[in-house]
Every structure is written in structure tokens, then in C-alpha cells.
Amino acid sequence: MLNYLWFFLAALFEIAGCFAFWMWLRQGKSVLWIIPALLSLTLFALLLTRVEASYAGRAYAAYGGIYIIASIGWLAVVERIRPLGSDWIGVALCVLGASVILFGPRFSAS
């Protein structure tokens, strides 16, 4: 269960860092937006290393589902844009895929 906390926190910091770059480069905000962007993306990377997983690739793949949920939440809460039905269908499909990766059976590759 602790993995979900790390995934969620990592997602928030990744989205916030990318959003800060978006504000600077796409919205014409001050170059000072780089500072929170870099700090946030550094925290994202550090938080993602806290996940208990045998393989980094599998942890990152499972994280993708959490990231997508957090991104749609960001859209709704921070950007104040109501997610569409197609957004929620996409979230469901991605979470299903991430769950298969995270909880699927493990067979030896021999």
C-alpha cells in the first residue's frame, strides 16, 4: 500500500514540474518558473525510487496508471477543466493495463 503513496506523490511532483515548464515556455511566464520546475522534477525522481519493486521498469510501468489518474485530477483541480467521458475511459483502460503489469502472474523466463 505504501507504493501507492510514493506513486501518487511522485505523480504530483512530476506533473507540477512539467506544468511549471509549460507555464514558462507556453504561457510566457517568467524564467523563474524554471526553479520550481527543477526542484519538483528532482523530488519526483527521488520519490519514485522509494517504490518497492524487483525491477525498475515494472515499477515505472505501474506508475504510469497512477500518473494518468493524477494528470486528469490536475486538469480538473488546478486547470479547472472538466474531464470528458473519453478521458475517464482512457484512465480506466490505462489503470487496467497498469494493474495487469503490477499484479499479473510472474513466470520464470527459461
Protein backbone atom coordinates (compact mmCIF):
# COMPACT_ATOMS: atom_id res chain seq x y z
CA MET A 1 0.00 0.00 0.00
CA LEU A 2 2.93 2.34 0.67
CA ASN A 3 3.87 2.04 -3.01
CA TYR A 4 0.66 3.83 -3.96
CA LEU A 5 1.60 6.76 -1.72
CA TRP A 6 5.03 7.00 -3.40
CA PHE A 7 3.42 6.71 -6.85
CA PHE A 8 0.86 9.41 -6.07
CA LEU A 9 3.40 11.83 -4.59
CA ALA A 10 5.80 11.22 -7.48
CA ALA A 11 3.00 11.91 -9.95
CA LEU A 12 2.10 15.20 -8.29
CA PHE A 13 5.69 16.40 -8.37
CA GLU A 14 6.23 15.26 -11.95
CA ILE A 15 3.09 17.00 -13.14
CA ALA A 16 3.89 20.15 -11.15
CA GLY A 17 7.42 20.27 -12.58
CA CYS A 18 6.24 19.82 -16.15
CA PHE A 19 3.45 22.34 -15.58
CA ALA A 20 6.00 24.91 -14.39
CA PHE A 21 7.96 24.46 -17.62
CA TRP A 22 4.67 24.70 -19.53
CA MET A 23 3.88 28.00 -17.84
CA TRP A 24 7.31 29.40 -18.72
CA LEU A 25 7.57 28.13 -22.30
CA ARG A 26 3.95 28.07 -23.43
CA GLN A 27 2.29 30.77 -21.34
CA GLY A 28 5.11 33.33 -21.40
CA LYS A 29 5.66 33.37 -17.64
CA SER A 30 8.93 34.42 -16.02
CA VAL A 31 12.08 32.34 -16.49
CA LEU A 32 11.97 31.97 -12.69
CA TRP A 33 9.38 29.21 -13.24
CA ILE A 34 12.41 27.00 -14.00
CA ILE A 35 13.33 26.94 -10.31
CA PRO A 36 10.17 25.19 -9.04
CA ALA A 37 10.19 23.05 -12.19
CA LEU A 38 13.65 21.65 -11.48
CA LEU A 39 13.01 21.21 -7.77
CA SER A 40 9.74 19.44 -8.43
CA LEU A 41 11.18 17.11 -11.07
CA THR A 42 14.08 16.24 -8.75
CA LEU A 43 11.63 15.32 -5.98
CA PHE A 44 9.67 13.26 -8.49
CA ALA A 45 12.74 11.18 -9.33
CA LEU A 46 13.67 10.72 -5.68
CA LEU A 47 10.14 9.69 -4.69
CA LEU A 48 9.87 7.13 -7.46
CA THR A 49 12.98 5.37 -6.13
CA ARG A 50 11.09 4.70 -2.87
CA VAL A 51 8.80 2.18 -4.58
CA GLU A 52 9.34 -1.42 -3.52
CA ALA A 53 9.76 -3.37 -6.74
CA SER A 54 12.13 -6.02 -8.04
CA TYR A 55 12.59 -4.23 -11.35
CA ALA A 56 12.58 -0.52 -12.14
CA GLY A 57 10.85 -1.00 -15.50
CA ARG A 58 7.89 -2.78 -13.92
CA ALA A 59 7.61 -0.11 -11.21
CA TYR A 60 7.67 2.65 -13.83
CA ALA A 61 5.06 0.90 -15.95
CA ALA A 62 2.72 0.52 -12.97
CA TYR A 63 3.39 4.15 -12.04
CA GLY A 64 2.04 5.14 -15.44
CA GLY A 65 -1.51 4.28 -14.38
CA ILE A 66 -1.25 6.41 -11.25
CA TYR A 67 0.30 9.24 -13.27
CA ILE A 68 -2.64 9.25 -15.66
CA ILE A 69 -5.17 9.42 -12.80
CA ALA A 70 -3.21 12.28 -11.22
CA SER A 71 -2.99 14.10 -14.57
CA ILE A 72 -6.75 14.05 -15.03
CA GLY A 73 -7.12 15.21 -11.42
CA TRP A 74 -4.68 18.05 -12.14
CA LEU A 75 -6.73 19.00 -15.19
CA ALA A 76 -9.86 19.23 -13.03
CA VAL A 77 -8.44 20.83 -9.87
CA VAL A 78 -5.57 23.07 -11.00
CA GLU A 79 -6.57 23.93 -14.56
CA ARG A 80 -10.29 23.88 -13.74
CA ILE A 81 -11.19 21.94 -16.88
CA ARG A 82 -13.87 19.29 -16.55
CA PRO A 83 -12.59 15.90 -17.78
CA LEU A 84 -14.57 14.36 -20.63
CA GLY A 85 -16.11 10.92 -20.67
CA SER A 86 -13.38 9.83 -23.07
CA ASP A 87 -10.79 10.98 -20.50
CA TRP A 88 -12.31 8.66 -17.89
CA ILE A 89 -12.49 5.76 -20.35
CA GLY A 90 -8.81 6.29 -21.12
CA VAL A 91 -7.99 6.38 -17.41
CA ALA A 92 -9.86 3.11 -16.85
CA LEU A 93 -8.03 1.38 -19.71
CA CYS A 94 -4.64 2.59 -18.51
CA VAL A 95 -5.28 1.61 -14.90
CA LEU A 96 -6.40 -1.82 -16.07
CA GLY A 97 -3.17 -2.20 -18.04
CA ALA A 98 -1.03 -0.97 -15.14
CA SER A 99 -2.82 -3.42 -12.81
CA VAL A 100 -2.05 -6.32 -15.14
CA ILE A 101 1.63 -5.33 -15.08
CA LEU A 102 1.70 -4.85 -11.32
CA PHE A 103 -0.40 -7.82 -10.20
CA GLY A 104 -0.04 -10.26 -13.11
CA PRO A 105 1.47 -13.70 -12.60
CA ARG A 106 5.24 -13.99 -12.68
CA PHE A 107 6.74 -16.82 -14.71
CA SER A 108 10.37 -17.70 -15.00
CA ALA A 109 11.87 -16.89 -18.39
CA SER A 110 13.90 -20.01 -19.14
